[in-house]
């Protein structure tokens, strides 16, 4: 008898089983950051600066510098692609954005 144990954990945002949840990046049980609309925010980097964004609100905000080490493994090309992808998003709590091309 082959019994596969079902996970009882579900995402706190969408209530899907964690194995198939795609709405929460980072920690599926608790998002790293939440947008003001209540949805979980995702993040990207441009050099050392860590940014969060909400696709629903088209909002982007700088969260910090060197808080997530993932920037160290990214290329200049990836940063330029991130800049292009989010250039038309609105900036919330504008701080470091002008230095990296957000206006």
Protein backbone atom coordinates (compact mmCIF):
# COMPACT_ATOMS: atom_id res chain seq x y z
CA UNK A 1 0.00 0.00 0.00
CA UNK A 2 1.51 3.31 -1.14
CA UNK A 3 0.11 6.18 0.89
CA UNK A 4 1.27 9.67 0.11
CA UNK A 5 0.91 12.03 3.02
CA UNK A 6 -1.07 15.13 2.10
CA UNK A 7 0.17 18.45 3.40
CA UNK A 8 -2.24 20.21 5.71
CA UNK A 9 -0.50 23.56 5.36
CA UNK A 10 -2.13 26.20 3.22
CA UNK A 11 -1.14 29.67 2.13
CA UNK A 12 -2.46 32.37 4.45
CA UNK A 13 -3.30 34.58 1.43
CA UNK A 14 -4.97 32.32 -1.16
CA UNK A 15 -5.64 29.23 1.00
CA UNK A 16 -4.11 26.93 -1.65
CA UNK A 17 -1.91 24.05 -0.49
CA UNK A 18 1.68 25.32 -0.16
CA UNK A 19 2.90 22.87 -2.80
CA UNK A 20 0.92 24.66 -5.54
CA UNK A 21 0.73 28.20 -4.15
CA UNK A 22 2.22 30.79 -6.47
CA UNK A 23 1.04 34.02 -4.86
CA UNK A 24 3.56 34.25 -2.02
CA UNK A 25 7.20 34.47 -2.95
CA UNK A 26 9.64 34.12 -0.11
CA UNK A 27 7.79 32.38 2.70
CA UNK A 28 4.46 30.90 1.59
CA UNK A 29 3.10 30.97 5.12
CA UNK A 30 3.80 34.65 5.62
CA UNK A 31 4.86 37.01 2.82
CA UNK A 32 7.98 39.11 3.32
CA UNK A 33 6.03 42.28 2.57
CA UNK A 34 2.41 43.10 1.82
CA UNK A 35 1.16 45.87 -0.44
CA UNK A 36 -1.29 48.41 0.90
CA UNK A 37 -3.99 46.59 -1.13
CA UNK A 38 -3.40 43.53 1.07
CA UNK A 39 -1.79 41.29 -1.54
CA UNK A 40 1.66 39.82 -0.98
CA UNK A 41 4.46 41.77 -2.62
CA UNK A 42 7.28 40.22 -4.60
CA UNK A 43 10.79 41.59 -4.81
CA UNK A 44 13.55 42.25 -7.27
CA UNK A 45 16.98 43.83 -7.11
CA UNK A 46 18.79 46.55 -8.96
CA UNK A 47 22.37 46.24 -7.82
CA UNK A 48 22.37 46.21 -4.00
CA UNK A 49 18.98 47.87 -3.66
CA UNK A 50 16.10 45.54 -2.85
CA UNK A 51 12.70 46.56 -4.25
CA UNK A 52 9.22 45.26 -3.55
CA UNK A 53 6.40 45.48 -6.07
CA UNK A 54 2.72 44.77 -6.46
CA UNK A 55 1.55 43.74 -9.93
CA UNK A 56 -2.07 44.44 -8.98
CA UNK A 57 -1.44 48.09 -8.00
CA UNK A 58 1.56 48.60 -10.31
CA UNK A 59 3.40 49.94 -7.28
CA UNK A 60 7.11 49.64 -6.49
CA UNK A 61 9.06 50.68 -3.40
CA UNK A 62 12.66 50.46 -2.25
CA UNK A 63 12.89 48.27 0.81
CA UNK A 64 16.55 48.40 1.67
CA UNK A 65 20.13 47.92 0.62
CA UNK A 66 21.82 44.51 0.71
CA UNK A 67 19.07 42.95 2.84
CA UNK A 68 18.69 40.02 0.44
CA UNK A 69 21.94 38.53 -0.78
CA UNK A 70 20.40 37.42 -4.08
CA UNK A 71 21.69 40.59 -5.80
CA UNK A 72 25.22 39.18 -5.53
CA UNK A 73 24.34 36.36 -7.93
CA UNK A 74 22.58 38.54 -10.52
CA UNK A 75 24.07 40.14 -13.58
CA UNK A 76 24.04 43.70 -14.85
CA UNK A 77 21.74 42.46 -17.63
CA UNK A 78 19.21 41.17 -15.07
CA UNK A 79 19.25 44.53 -13.28
CA UNK A 80 18.65 46.37 -16.54
CA UNK A 81 15.77 44.02 -17.35
CA UNK A 82 14.27 44.69 -13.91
CA UNK A 83 14.60 48.41 -14.48
CA UNK A 84 12.83 48.15 -17.84
CA UNK A 85 10.08 45.91 -16.48
CA UNK A 86 9.19 48.20 -13.57
CA UNK A 87 9.99 51.61 -15.08
CA UNK A 88 6.31 52.46 -15.57
CA UNK A 89 5.25 51.44 -12.06
CA UNK A 90 4.38 54.13 -9.51
CA UNK A 91 6.90 54.74 -6.74
CA UNK A 92 5.70 54.55 -3.14
CA UNK A 93 7.75 56.35 -0.48
CA UNK A 94 10.30 57.49 -3.01
CA UNK A 95 13.81 57.33 -1.57
CA UNK A 96 16.51 55.73 -3.70
CA UNK A 97 14.55 55.50 -6.94
CA UNK A 98 15.98 58.43 -8.88
CA UNK A 99 19.50 57.07 -8.59
CA UNK A 100 18.53 53.91 -10.43
CA UNK A 101 16.28 55.42 -13.07
CA UNK A 102 12.82 55.40 -11.48
CA UNK A 103 11.04 58.70 -11.84
